[in-house]
Amino acid sequence: MSQSDKLNFFEQVYQVVQTIPEGRVTSYGAIARFLGAPQSARMVGWAMNASHLREDIPAHRVVNRLGLLTGKHHFEGTNLMQQLLENEGITVVDNQILNFETVFWDPQNP
């Protein structure tokens, strides 16, 4: 994949992430499937890692398929990702979102 293709994919990821409602989360894989690239969950993760340069991307709302805060080390401070989620009413215990199925948002079925 060329650098411009990768940047285009990242922009597509960011467009999806910007539509995740407050108080809801989605997964890297759900975004990849929505974009027609179901094998690209890791690349969605790379996009999230790069998104911290932009304040308009709510990257804290993207977690792994089990509801784990796997991207938390890319946020400033130790618990910023968790704090942002908790500020939106999402309960996190031991880096795991409680009631993940309830707060999960699927971009294919918003």
PDB file of N, CA and C in Angstrom:
ATOM      1  N   MET A   1       0.849  -1.179   0.000  1.00  0.00           N
ATOM      2  CA  MET A   1       0.000   0.000   0.000  1.00  0.00           C
ATOM      3  C   MET A   1       0.887   1.232   0.000  1.00  0.00           C
ATOM      4  N   SER A   2       0.602   2.156  -0.893  1.00  0.00           N
ATOM      5  CA  SER A   2       1.416   3.363  -0.993  1.00  0.00           C
ATOM      6  C   SER A   2       1.123   4.305   0.174  1.00  0.00           C
ATOM      7  N   GLN A   3       1.993   5.257   0.366  1.00  0.00           N
ATOM      8  CA  GLN A   3       1.815   6.234   1.442  1.00  0.00           C
ATOM      9  C   GLN A   3       0.515   7.016   1.256  1.00  0.00           C
ATOM     10  N   SER A   4       0.191   7.385   0.012  1.00  0.00           N
ATOM     11  CA  SER A   4      -1.044   8.147  -0.209  1.00  0.00           C
ATOM     12  C   SER A   4      -2.282   7.274   0.035  1.00  0.00           C
ATOM     13  N   ASP A   5      -2.208   5.965  -0.310  1.00  0.00           N
ATOM     14  CA  ASP A   5      -3.324   5.064  -0.023  1.00  0.00           C
ATOM     15  C   ASP A   5      -3.536   4.942   1.483  1.00  0.00           C
ATOM     16  N   LYS A   6      -2.416   4.842   2.207  1.00  0.00           N
ATOM     17  CA  LYS A   6      -2.500   4.715   3.655  1.00  0.00           C
ATOM     18  C   LYS A   6      -3.125   5.972   4.266  1.00  0.00           C
ATOM     19  N   LEU A   7      -2.704   7.147   3.799  1.00  0.00           N
ATOM     20  CA  LEU A   7      -3.261   8.393   4.323  1.00  0.00           C
ATOM     21  C   LEU A   7      -4.746   8.491   3.997  1.00  0.00           C
ATOM     22  N   ASN A   8      -5.150   8.061   2.813  1.00  0.00           N
ATOM     23  CA  ASN A   8      -6.558   8.071   2.441  1.00  0.00           C
ATOM     24  C   ASN A   8      -7.353   7.140   3.357  1.00  0.00           C
ATOM     25  N   PHE A   9      -6.813   5.941   3.634  1.00  0.00           N
ATOM     26  CA  PHE A   9      -7.474   5.010   4.540  1.00  0.00           C
ATOM     27  C   PHE A   9      -7.613   5.630   5.925  1.00  0.00           C
ATOM     28  N   PHE A  10      -6.547   6.267   6.408  1.00  0.00           N
ATOM     29  CA  PHE A  10      -6.600   6.916   7.715  1.00  0.00           C
ATOM     30  C   PHE A  10      -7.716   7.962   7.742  1.00  0.00           C
ATOM     31  N   GLU A  11      -7.845   8.759   6.685  1.00  0.00           N
ATOM     32  CA  GLU A  11      -8.895   9.777   6.637  1.00  0.00           C
ATOM     33  C   GLU A  11     -10.281   9.139   6.670  1.00  0.00           C
ATOM     34  N   GLN A  12     -10.442   8.006   5.989  1.00  0.00           N
ATOM     35  CA  GLN A  12     -11.715   7.296   6.025  1.00  0.00           C
ATOM     36  C   GLN A  12     -12.011   6.814   7.449  1.00  0.00           C
ATOM     37  N   VAL A  13     -10.983   6.299   8.118  1.00  0.00           N
ATOM     38  CA  VAL A  13     -11.143   5.866   9.515  1.00  0.00           C
ATOM     39  C   VAL A  13     -11.580   7.046  10.370  1.00  0.00           C
ATOM     40  N   TYR A  14     -10.923   8.191  10.198  1.00  0.00           N
ATOM     41  CA  TYR A  14     -11.248   9.364  11.011  1.00  0.00           C
ATOM     42  C   TYR A  14     -12.685   9.829  10.781  1.00  0.00           C
ATOM     43  N   GLN A  15     -13.161   9.730   9.541  1.00  0.00           N
ATOM     44  CA  GLN A  15     -14.544  10.122   9.261  1.00  0.00           C
ATOM     45  C   GLN A  15     -15.520   9.236  10.038  1.00  0.00           C
ATOM     46  N   VAL A  16     -15.232   7.933  10.104  1.00  0.00           N
ATOM     47  CA  VAL A  16     -16.094   7.013  10.858  1.00  0.00           C
ATOM     48  C   VAL A  16     -16.023   7.338  12.341  1.00  0.00           C
ATOM     49  N   VAL A  17     -14.812   7.514  12.855  1.00  0.00           N
ATOM     50  CA  VAL A  17     -14.629   7.754  14.295  1.00  0.00           C
ATOM     51  C   VAL A  17     -15.334   9.033  14.726  1.00  0.00           C
ATOM     52  N   GLN A  18     -15.352  10.024  13.865  1.00  0.00           N
ATOM     53  CA  GLN A  18     -16.023  11.282  14.207  1.00  0.00           C
ATOM     54  C   GLN A  18     -17.531  11.108  14.353  1.00  0.00           C
ATOM     55  N   THR A  19     -18.088  10.015  13.859  1.00  0.00           N
ATOM     56  CA  THR A  19     -19.535   9.799  13.959  1.00  0.00           C
ATOM     57  C   THR A  19     -19.937   8.916  15.143  1.00  0.00           C
ATOM     58  N   ILE A  20     -18.954   8.393  15.885  1.00  0.00           N
ATOM     59  CA  ILE A  20     -19.290   7.568  17.054  1.00  0.00           C
ATOM     60  C   ILE A  20     -19.964   8.478  18.083  1.00  0.00           C
ATOM     61  N   PRO A  21     -21.169   8.129  18.489  1.00  0.00           N
ATOM     62  CA  PRO A  21     -21.875   8.988  19.456  1.00  0.00           C
ATOM     63  C   PRO A  21     -21.166   9.016  20.819  1.00  0.00           C
ATOM     64  N   GLU A  22     -21.313  10.122  21.501  1.00  0.00           N
ATOM     65  CA  GLU A  22     -20.782  10.242  22.861  1.00  0.00           C
ATOM     66  C   GLU A  22     -21.427   9.170  23.731  1.00  0.00           C
ATOM     67  N   GLY A  23     -20.619   8.547  24.581  1.00  0.00           N
ATOM     68  CA  GLY A  23     -21.121   7.505  25.469  1.00  0.00           C
ATOM     69  C   GLY A  23     -21.195   6.135  24.817  1.00  0.00           C
ATOM     70  N   ARG A  24     -20.641   6.002  23.618  1.00  0.00           N
ATOM     71  CA  ARG A  24     -20.625   4.729  22.898  1.00  0.00           C
ATOM     72  C   ARG A  24     -19.190   4.448  22.458  1.00  0.00           C
ATOM     73  N   VAL A  25     -18.892   3.204  22.147  1.00  0.00           N
ATOM     74  CA  VAL A  25     -17.570   2.819  21.655  1.00  0.00           C
ATOM     75  C   VAL A  25     -17.739   1.851  20.481  1.00  0.00           C
ATOM     76  N   THR A  26     -16.692   1.723  19.704  1.00  0.00           N
ATOM     77  CA  THR A  26     -16.657   0.726  18.644  1.00  0.00           C
ATOM     78  C   THR A  26     -15.284   0.079  18.645  1.00  0.00           C
ATOM     79  N   SER A  27     -15.097  -0.878  17.761  1.00  0.00           N
ATOM     80  CA  SER A  27     -13.817  -1.603  17.733  1.00  0.00           C
ATOM     81  C   SER A  27     -13.064  -1.328  16.438  1.00  0.00           C
ATOM     82  N   TYR A  28     -11.775  -1.617  16.473  1.00  0.00           N
ATOM     83  CA  TYR A  28     -10.937  -1.480  15.281  1.00  0.00           C
ATOM     84  C   TYR A  28     -11.507  -2.329  14.148  1.00  0.00           C
ATOM     85  N   GLY A  29     -11.902  -3.551  14.471  1.00  0.00           N
ATOM     86  CA  GLY A  29     -12.429  -4.468  13.468  1.00  0.00           C
ATOM     87  C   GLY A  29     -13.748  -4.011  12.872  1.00  0.00           C
ATOM     88  N   ALA A  30     -14.624  -3.440  13.700  1.00  0.00           N
ATOM     89  CA  ALA A  30     -15.916  -2.952  13.197  1.00  0.00           C
ATOM     90  C   ALA A  30     -15.700  -1.824  12.194  1.00  0.00           C
ATOM     91  N   ILE A  31     -14.729  -0.961  12.465  1.00  0.00           N
ATOM     92  CA  ILE A  31     -14.420   0.124  11.530  1.00  0.00           C
ATOM     93  C   ILE A  31     -13.844  -0.456  10.242  1.00  0.00           C
ATOM     94  N   ALA A  32     -12.928  -1.409  10.371  1.00  0.00           N
ATOM     95  CA  ALA A  32     -12.324  -2.032   9.184  1.00  0.00           C
ATOM     96  C   ALA A  32     -13.389  -2.700   8.324  1.00  0.00           C
ATOM     97  N   ARG A  33     -14.301  -3.439   8.944  1.00  0.00           N
ATOM     98  CA  ARG A  33     -15.385  -4.095   8.191  1.00  0.00           C
ATOM     99  C   ARG A  33     -16.260  -3.063   7.488  1.00  0.00           C
ATOM    100  N   PHE A  34     -16.592  -1.994   8.183  1.00  0.00           N
ATOM    101  CA  PHE A  34     -17.426  -0.944   7.608  1.00  0.00           C
ATOM    102  C   PHE A  34     -16.755  -0.338   6.373  1.00  0.00           C
ATOM    103  N   LEU A  35     -15.437  -0.212   6.409  1.00  0.00           N
ATOM    104  CA  LEU A  35     -14.701   0.383   5.289  1.00  0.00           C
ATOM    105  C   LEU A  35     -14.408  -0.623   4.181  1.00  0.00           C
ATOM    106  N   GLY A  36     -14.912  -1.856   4.344  1.00  0.00           N
ATOM    107  CA  GLY A  36     -14.722  -2.861   3.303  1.00  0.00           C
ATOM    108  C   GLY A  36     -13.344  -3.493   3.307  1.00  0.00           C
ATOM    109  N   ALA A  37     -12.657  -3.386   4.436  1.00  0.00           N
ATOM    110  CA  ALA A  37     -11.308  -3.946   4.568  1.00  0.00           C
ATOM    111  C   ALA A  37     -11.241  -4.761   5.858  1.00  0.00           C
ATOM    112  N   PRO A  38     -11.993  -5.874   5.939  1.00  0.00           N
ATOM    113  CA  PRO A  38     -12.127  -6.598   7.211  1.00  0.00           C
ATOM    114  C   PRO A  38     -10.820  -7.128   7.799  1.00  0.00           C
ATOM    115  N   GLN A  39      -9.784  -7.251   6.987  1.00  0.00           N
ATOM    116  CA  GLN A  39      -8.496  -7.729   7.491  1.00  0.00           C
ATOM    117  C   GLN A  39      -7.592  -6.582   7.962  1.00  0.00           C
ATOM    118  N   SER A  40      -8.124  -5.381   8.041  1.00  0.00           N
ATOM    119  CA  SER A  40      -7.298  -4.199   8.321  1.00  0.00           C
ATOM    120  C   SER A  40      -7.518  -3.583   9.698  1.00  0.00           C
ATOM    121  N   ALA A  41      -7.944  -4.390  10.670  1.00  0.00           N
ATOM    122  CA  ALA A  41      -8.155  -3.852  12.017  1.00  0.00           C
ATOM    123  C   ALA A  41      -6.870  -3.244  12.577  1.00  0.00           C
ATOM    124  N   ARG A  42      -5.747  -3.879  12.317  1.00  0.00           N
ATOM    125  CA  ARG A  42      -4.472  -3.350  12.818  1.00  0.00           C
ATOM    126  C   ARG A  42      -4.166  -1.981  12.199  1.00  0.00           C
ATOM    127  N   MET A  43      -4.507  -1.831  10.926  1.00  0.00           N
ATOM    128  CA  MET A  43      -4.276  -0.555  10.269  1.00  0.00           C
ATOM    129  C   MET A  43      -5.182   0.536  10.852  1.00  0.00           C
ATOM    130  N   VAL A  44      -6.392   0.155  11.255  1.00  0.00           N
ATOM    131  CA  VAL A  44      -7.263   1.102  11.953  1.00  0.00           C
ATOM    132  C   VAL A  44      -6.581   1.528  13.254  1.00  0.00           C
ATOM    133  N   GLY A  45      -5.950   0.582  13.934  1.00  0.00           N
ATOM    134  CA  GLY A  45      -5.198   0.908  15.145  1.00  0.00           C
ATOM    135  C   GLY A  45      -4.070   1.885  14.869  1.00  0.00           C
ATOM    136  N   TRP A  46      -3.379   1.690  13.764  1.00  0.00           N
ATOM    137  CA  TRP A  46      -2.310   2.630  13.394  1.00  0.00           C
ATOM    138  C   TRP A  46      -2.889   4.024  13.144  1.00  0.00           C
ATOM    139  N   ALA A  47      -4.052   4.070  12.516  1.00  0.00           N
ATOM    140  CA  ALA A  47      -4.706   5.363  12.296  1.00  0.00           C
ATOM    141  C   ALA A  47      -5.041   6.027  13.627  1.00  0.00           C
ATOM    142  N   MET A  48      -5.533   5.224  14.578  1.00  0.00           N
ATOM    143  CA  MET A  48      -5.854   5.783  15.892  1.00  0.00           C
ATOM    144  C   MET A  48      -4.590   6.295  16.591  1.00  0.00           C
ATOM    145  N   ASN A  49      -3.499   5.560  16.459  1.00  0.00           N
ATOM    146  CA  ASN A  49      -2.242   6.007  17.063  1.00  0.00           C
ATOM    147  C   ASN A  49      -1.808   7.347  16.487  1.00  0.00           C
ATOM    148  N   ALA A  50      -2.017   7.533  15.192  1.00  0.00           N
ATOM    149  CA  ALA A  50      -1.610   8.767  14.526  1.00  0.00           C
ATOM    150  C   ALA A  50      -2.614   9.897  14.747  1.00  0.00           C
ATOM    151  N   SER A  51      -3.795   9.587  15.235  1.00  0.00           N
ATOM    152  CA  SER A  51      -4.857  10.598  15.340  1.00  0.00           C
ATOM    153  C   SER A  51      -4.660  11.578  16.485  1.00  0.00           C
ATOM    154  N   HIS A  52      -3.748  11.300  17.375  1.00  0.00           N
ATOM    155  CA  HIS A  52      -3.605  12.151  18.557  1.00  0.00           C
ATOM    156  C   HIS A  52      -3.069  13.537  18.230  1.00  0.00           C
ATOM    157  N   LEU A  53      -2.675  13.724  17.000  1.00  0.00           N
ATOM    158  CA  LEU A  53      -2.253  15.054  16.563  1.00  0.00           C
ATOM    159  C   LEU A  53      -3.464  15.925  16.226  1.00  0.00           C
ATOM    160  N   ARG A  54      -4.624  15.299  16.174  1.00  0.00           N
ATOM    161  CA  ARG A  54      -5.858  16.011  15.818  1.00  0.00           C
ATOM    162  C   ARG A  54      -6.843  15.939  16.981  1.00  0.00           C
ATOM    163  N   GLU A  55      -7.314  17.079  17.403  1.00  0.00           N
ATOM    164  CA  GLU A  55      -8.246  17.125  18.538  1.00  0.00           C
ATOM    165  C   GLU A  55      -9.666  16.762  18.139  1.00  0.00           C
ATOM    166  N   ASP A  56      -9.961  16.702  16.843  1.00  0.00           N
ATOM    167  CA  ASP A  56     -11.329  16.439  16.397  1.00  0.00           C
ATOM    168  C   ASP A  56     -11.639  14.957  16.246  1.00  0.00           C
ATOM    169  N   ILE A  57     -10.700  14.095  16.635  1.00  0.00           N
ATOM    170  CA  ILE A  57     -10.886  12.647  16.508  1.00  0.00           C
ATOM    171  C   ILE A  57     -11.057  12.051  17.912  1.00  0.00           C
ATOM    172  N   PRO A  58     -12.247  11.548  18.260  1.00  0.00           N
ATOM    173  CA  PRO A  58     -12.453  10.950  19.589  1.00  0.00           C
ATOM    174  C   PRO A  58     -11.911   9.511  19.639  1.00  0.00           C
ATOM    175  N   ALA A  59     -10.591   9.390  19.548  1.00  0.00           N
ATOM    176  CA  ALA A  59      -9.930   8.083  19.497  1.00  0.00           C
ATOM    177  C   ALA A  59     -10.194   7.238  20.731  1.00  0.00           C
ATOM    178  N   HIS A  60     -10.541   7.878  21.840  1.00  0.00           N
ATOM    179  CA  HIS A  60     -10.805   7.121  23.073  1.00  0.00           C
ATOM    180  C   HIS A  60     -12.021   6.220  22.925  1.00  0.00           C
ATOM    181  N   ARG A  61     -12.841   6.440  21.911  1.00  0.00           N
ATOM    182  CA  ARG A  61     -14.047   5.634  21.707  1.00  0.00           C
ATOM    183  C   ARG A  61     -13.790   4.385  20.862  1.00  0.00           C
ATOM    184  N   VAL A  62     -12.533   4.123  20.533  1.00  0.00           N
ATOM    185  CA  VAL A  62     -12.198   2.936  19.734  1.00  0.00           C
ATOM    186  C   VAL A  62     -11.357   1.999  20.599  1.00  0.00           C
ATOM    187  N   VAL A  63     -11.860   0.773  20.763  1.00  0.00           N
ATOM    188  CA  VAL A  63     -11.219  -0.221  21.627  1.00  0.00           C
ATOM    189  C   VAL A  63     -11.094  -1.537  20.858  1.00  0.00           C
ATOM    190  N   ASN A  64     -10.530  -2.543  21.489  1.00  0.00           N
ATOM    191  CA  ASN A  64     -10.430  -3.820  20.774  1.00  0.00           C
ATOM    192  C   ASN A  64     -11.758  -4.568  20.823  1.00  0.00           C
ATOM    193  N   ARG A  65     -11.828  -5.708  20.175  1.00  0.00           N
ATOM    194  CA  ARG A  65     -13.092  -6.444  20.016  1.00  0.00           C
ATOM    195  C   ARG A  65     -13.660  -6.986  21.322  1.00  0.00           C
ATOM    196  N   LEU A  66     -12.841  -6.988  22.376  1.00  0.00           N
ATOM    197  CA  LEU A  66     -13.297  -7.454  23.688  1.00  0.00           C
ATOM    198  C   LEU A  66     -13.639  -6.303  24.634  1.00  0.00           C
ATOM    199  N   GLY A  67     -13.470  -5.073  24.150  1.00  0.00           N
ATOM    200  CA  GLY A  67     -13.737  -3.918  25.000  1.00  0.00           C
ATOM    201  C   GLY A  67     -12.561  -3.510  25.855  1.00  0.00           C
ATOM    202  N   LEU A  68     -11.379  -3.971  25.492  1.00  0.00           N
ATOM    203  CA  LEU A  68     -10.172  -3.600  26.243  1.00  0.00           C
ATOM    204  C   LEU A  68      -9.581  -2.305  25.701  1.00  0.00           C
ATOM    205  N   LEU A  69      -9.052  -1.489  26.594  1.00  0.00           N
ATOM    206  CA  LEU A  69      -8.441  -0.216  26.217  1.00  0.00           C
ATOM    207  C   LEU A  69      -7.008  -0.448  25.738  1.00  0.00           C
ATOM    208  N   THR A  70      -6.856  -1.143  24.644  1.00  0.00           N
ATOM    209  CA  THR A  70      -5.523  -1.516  24.161  1.00  0.00           C
ATOM    210  C   THR A  70      -4.730  -0.320  23.652  1.00  0.00           C
ATOM    211  N   GLY A  71      -5.381   0.777  23.300  1.00  0.00           N
ATOM    212  CA  GLY A  71      -4.667   1.939  22.797  1.00  0.00           C
ATOM    213  C   GLY A  71      -4.352   2.977  23.850  1.00  0.00           C
ATOM    214  N   LYS A  72      -4.571   2.657  25.107  1.00  0.00           N
ATOM    215  CA  LYS A  72      -4.457   3.669  26.172  1.00  0.00           C
ATOM    216  C   LYS A  72      -3.060   4.250  26.315  1.00  0.00           C
ATOM    217  N   HIS A  73      -2.033   3.486  25.962  1.00  0.00           N
ATOM    218  CA  HIS A  73      -0.670   4.006  26.123  1.00  0.00           C
ATOM    219  C   HIS A  73      -0.328   5.070  25.083  1.00  0.00           C
ATOM    220  N   HIS A  74      -1.221   5.316  24.121  1.00  0.00           N
ATOM    221  CA  HIS A  74      -0.997   6.368  23.140  1.00  0.00           C
ATOM    222  C   HIS A  74      -1.613   7.697  23.578  1.00  0.00           C
ATOM    223  N   PHE A  75      -2.237   7.705  24.745  1.00  0.00           N
ATOM    224  CA  PHE A  75      -2.816   8.931  25.295  1.00  0.00           C
ATOM    225  C   PHE A  75      -1.856   9.508  26.324  1.00  0.00           C
ATOM    226  N   GLU A  76      -1.898  10.826  26.467  1.00  0.00           N
ATOM    227  CA  GLU A  76      -1.063  11.461  27.489  1.00  0.00           C
ATOM    228  C   GLU A  76      -1.553  11.033  28.869  1.00  0.00           C
ATOM    229  N   GLY A  77      -0.634  10.855  29.779  1.00  0.00           N
ATOM    230  CA  GLY A  77      -1.010  10.445  31.132  1.00  0.00           C
ATOM    231  C   GLY A  77      -1.344   8.964  31.169  1.00  0.00           C
ATOM    232  N   THR A  78      -1.448   8.428  32.348  1.00  0.00           N
ATOM    233  CA  THR A  78      -1.648   6.987  32.488  1.00  0.00           C
ATOM    234  C   THR A  78      -3.080   6.555  32.220  1.00  0.00           C
ATOM    235  N   ASN A  79      -4.041   7.361  32.618  1.00  0.00           N
ATOM    236  CA  ASN A  79      -5.436   6.934  32.547  1.00  0.00           C
ATOM    237  C   ASN A  79      -6.328   7.872  31.735  1.00  0.00           C
ATOM    238  N   LEU A  80      -5.757   8.660  30.827  1.00  0.00           N
ATOM    239  CA  LEU A  80      -6.555   9.644  30.103  1.00  0.00           C
ATOM    240  C   LEU A  80      -7.661   8.987  29.277  1.00  0.00           C
ATOM    241  N   MET A  81      -7.366   7.894  28.586  1.00  0.00           N
ATOM    242  CA  MET A  81      -8.384   7.227  27.781  1.00  0.00           C
ATOM    243  C   MET A  81      -9.553   6.800  28.670  1.00  0.00           C
ATOM    244  N   GLN A  82      -9.244   6.174  29.796  1.00  0.00           N
ATOM    245  CA  GLN A  82     -10.278   5.741  30.732  1.00  0.00           C
ATOM    246  C   GLN A  82     -11.067   6.934  31.259  1.00  0.00           C
ATOM    247  N   GLN A  83     -10.375   8.015  31.605  1.00  0.00           N
ATOM    248  CA  GLN A  83     -11.057   9.195  32.137  1.00  0.00           C
ATOM    249  C   GLN A  83     -12.018   9.788  31.111  1.00  0.00           C
ATOM    250  N   LEU A  84     -11.589   9.845  29.844  1.00  0.00           N
ATOM    251  CA  LEU A  84     -12.452  10.383  28.794  1.00  0.00           C
ATOM    252  C   LEU A  84     -13.704   9.527  28.627  1.00  0.00           C
ATOM    253  N   LEU A  85     -13.531   8.211  28.665  1.00  0.00           N
ATOM    254  CA  LEU A  85     -14.682   7.312  28.561  1.00  0.00           C
ATOM    255  C   LEU A  85     -15.603   7.457  29.763  1.00  0.00           C
ATOM    256  N   GLU A  86     -15.032   7.504  30.954  1.00  0.00           N
ATOM    257  CA  GLU A  86     -15.840   7.642  32.170  1.00  0.00           C
ATOM    258  C   GLU A  86     -16.587   8.975  32.196  1.00  0.00           C
ATOM    259  N   ASN A  87     -15.971  10.023  31.629  1.00  0.00           N
ATOM    260  CA  ASN A  87     -16.651  11.323  31.535  1.00  0.00           C
ATOM    261  C   ASN A  87     -17.891  11.233  30.654  1.00  0.00           C
ATOM    262  N   GLU A  88     -17.944  10.223  29.788  1.00  0.00           N
ATOM    263  CA  GLU A  88     -19.097  10.020  28.909  1.00  0.00           C
ATOM    264  C   GLU A  88     -20.059   8.973  29.463  1.00  0.00           C
ATOM    265  N   GLY A  89     -19.808   8.528  30.702  1.00  0.00           N
ATOM    266  CA  GLY A  89     -20.721   7.597  31.355  1.00  0.00           C
ATOM    267  C   GLY A  89     -20.395   6.130  31.139  1.00  0.00           C
ATOM    268  N   ILE A  90     -19.248   5.824  30.576  1.00  0.00           N
ATOM    269  CA  ILE A  90     -18.846   4.434  30.337  1.00  0.00           C
ATOM    270  C   ILE A  90     -18.025   3.953  31.531  1.00  0.00           C
ATOM    271  N   THR A  91     -18.355   2.795  32.055  1.00  0.00           N
ATOM    272  CA  THR A  91     -17.648   2.237  33.203  1.00  0.00           C
ATOM    273  C   THR A  91     -16.507   1.356  32.727  1.00  0.00           C
ATOM    274  N   VAL A  92     -15.309   1.612  33.277  1.00  0.00           N
ATOM    275  CA  VAL A  92     -14.110   0.853  32.922  1.00  0.00           C
ATOM    276  C   VAL A  92     -13.499   0.289  34.199  1.00  0.00           C
ATOM    277  N   VAL A  93     -13.249  -1.011  34.200  1.00  0.00           N
ATOM    278  CA  VAL A  93     -12.601  -1.670  35.334  1.00  0.00           C
ATOM    279  C   VAL A  93     -11.455  -2.511  34.785  1.00  0.00           C
ATOM    280  N   ASP A  94     -10.256  -2.291  35.314  1.00  0.00           N
ATOM    281  CA  ASP A  94      -9.067  -3.030  34.874  1.00  0.00           C
ATOM    282  C   ASP A  94      -8.901  -2.971  33.359  1.00  0.00           C
ATOM    283  N   ASN A  95      -9.026  -1.767  32.806  1.00  0.00           N
ATOM    284  CA  ASN A  95      -8.857  -1.518  31.365  1.00  0.00           C
ATOM    285  C   ASN A  95      -9.889  -2.226  30.496  1.00  0.00           C
ATOM    286  N   GLN A  96     -10.995  -2.643  31.089  1.00  0.00           N
ATOM    287  CA  GLN A  96     -12.059  -3.358  30.372  1.00  0.00           C
ATOM    288  C   GLN A  96     -13.364  -2.569  30.516  1.00  0.00           C
ATOM    289  N   ILE A  97     -14.054  -2.356  29.407  1.00  0.00           N
ATOM    290  CA  ILE A  97     -15.343  -1.679  29.453  1.00  0.00           C
ATOM    291  C   ILE A  97     -16.396  -2.659  29.955  1.00  0.00           C
ATOM    292  N   LEU A  98     -17.085  -2.268  31.021  1.00  0.00           N
ATOM    293  CA  LEU A  98     -18.183  -3.089  31.530  1.00  0.00           C
ATOM    294  C   LEU A  98     -19.404  -2.878  30.631  1.00  0.00           C
ATOM    295  N   ASN A  99     -20.202  -3.917  30.490  1.00  0.00           N
ATOM    296  CA  ASN A  99     -21.387  -3.843  29.632  1.00  0.00           C
ATOM    297  C   ASN A  99     -21.020  -3.422  28.208  1.00  0.00           C
ATOM    298  N   PHE A 100     -19.928  -3.984  27.716  1.00  0.00           N
ATOM    299  CA  PHE A 100     -19.418  -3.622  26.391  1.00  0.00           C
ATOM    300  C   PHE A 100     -20.494  -3.757  25.319  1.00  0.00           C
ATOM    301  N   GLU A 101     -21.279  -4.826  25.369  1.00  0.00           N
ATOM    302  CA  GLU A 101     -22.307  -5.060  24.356  1.00  0.00           C
ATOM    303  C   GLU A 101     -23.343  -3.938  24.351  1.00  0.00           C
ATOM    304  N   THR A 102     -23.595  -3.357  25.511  1.00  0.00           N
ATOM    305  CA  THR A 102     -24.596  -2.297  25.642  1.00  0.00           C
ATOM    306  C   THR A 102     -24.118  -0.990  25.049  1.00  0.00           C
ATOM    307  N   VAL A 103     -22.841  -0.663  25.212  1.00  0.00           N
ATOM    308  CA  VAL A 103     -22.318   0.623  24.731  1.00  0.00           C
ATOM    309  C   VAL A 103     -21.656   0.518  23.367  1.00  0.00           C
ATOM    310  N   PHE A 104     -21.583  -0.723  22.826  1.00  0.00           N
ATOM    311  CA  PHE A 104     -20.951  -0.927  21.524  1.00  0.00           C
ATOM    312  C   PHE A 104     -21.790  -0.276  20.422  1.00  0.00           C
ATOM    313  N   TRP A 105     -21.131   0.435  19.533  1.00  0.00           N
ATOM    314  CA  TRP A 105     -21.760   1.097  18.389  1.00  0.00           C
ATOM    315  C   TRP A 105     -21.176   0.507  17.125  1.00  0.00           C
ATOM    316  N   ASP A 106     -22.020  -0.056  16.283  1.00  0.00           N
ATOM    317  CA  ASP A 106     -21.576  -0.663  15.037  1.00  0.00           C
ATOM    318  C   ASP A 106     -21.818   0.329  13.896  1.00  0.00           C
ATOM    319  N   PRO A 107     -20.763   0.771  13.209  1.00  0.00           N
ATOM    320  CA  PRO A 107     -20.952   1.736  12.139  1.00  0.00           C
ATOM    321  C   PRO A 107     -21.825   1.206  10.985  1.00  0.00           C
ATOM    322  N   GLN A 108     -21.937  -0.119  10.882  1.00  0.00           N
ATOM    323  CA  GLN A 108     -22.793  -0.690   9.832  1.00  0.00           C
ATOM    324  C   GLN A 108     -24.264  -0.652  10.206  1.00  0.00           C
ATOM    325  N   ASN A 109     -24.547  -0.559  11.500  1.00  0.00           N
ATOM    326  CA  ASN A 109     -25.930  -0.499  11.997  1.00  0.00           C
ATOM    327  C   ASN A 109     -26.065   0.578  13.073  1.00  0.00           C
ATOM    328  N   PRO A 110     -25.852   1.826  12.691  1.00  0.00           N
ATOM    329  CA  PRO A 110     -25.881   2.876  13.719  1.00  0.00           C
ATOM    330  C   PRO A 110     -27.255   3.039  14.300  1.00  0.00           C
TER     331      PRO A 110
END
